[in-house]
């Protein structure tokens, strides 16, 4: 396990294909979203009065909107973050296995290492890789899109656990598509089903952390991470040997 992890780390430091692919996709998409999508205005960062207060404001000609992030804006910004991270992960993480095929080292790796050790080493590498990318892009996301975050600790916890959950599933998917000609498209398609619960929990959890209302989805993400990691480990030997 440690040998596989160190091999991938040294290979990535020499030719950073996975981190450059993942990082540039996430960074450019975040910047593009911030420049093109409207996230301010009535109903977004301005709440409307309701009930008797709204009637009184209309009668007197007073303002009917007051500053404050709405739940709609929190959910919108949260969805942007997780969709960007999802596509970035399933674009970059398969490169860890693709590189083995391109450099013709996959056959040797199959001969000298147990599938469980290969899976564990690459899983640890992918988790660290995606966590680093998420840690780097989150400040840029906060700076450009300027969400209001009522519970910063919960916000960070959902990102940390959700990112690890994406990495665990994407590791198996990367092995499945590594020898395919259309690996990029296949990874995104195959990953949607298994990762849909992660995306839904991540979006709802970070949106709730922004607003300071609603539930905490960290425990659910941790449970799903454990389940999917165990399932991926069981399936990996079959995928890797075939």
Foldseek 3Di string as FASTA:
>chain_A
DVVLLVVLVVVCVVPVQLLVQLLVQLQVLLVVCLVPPDQDDEPAQKDFDDDPVNVVCVVVVHDGIDGHGDLVSLLVLLLSNLVSLLLSLLQRLLVSLLVCVVVVNLVVCPVPDDLLVNLVSSLVNSLVSSVVSCVVCVVVNCVRSVFAFQAVVLLVLLVSLLSSLSSLLSSLLSLQLSPPPPSSVSSSVVSCVLSVVSSVLSSVRNSCRRVVDDDRCNVVSNVSSVVSNVVSSVCRNVSSVD
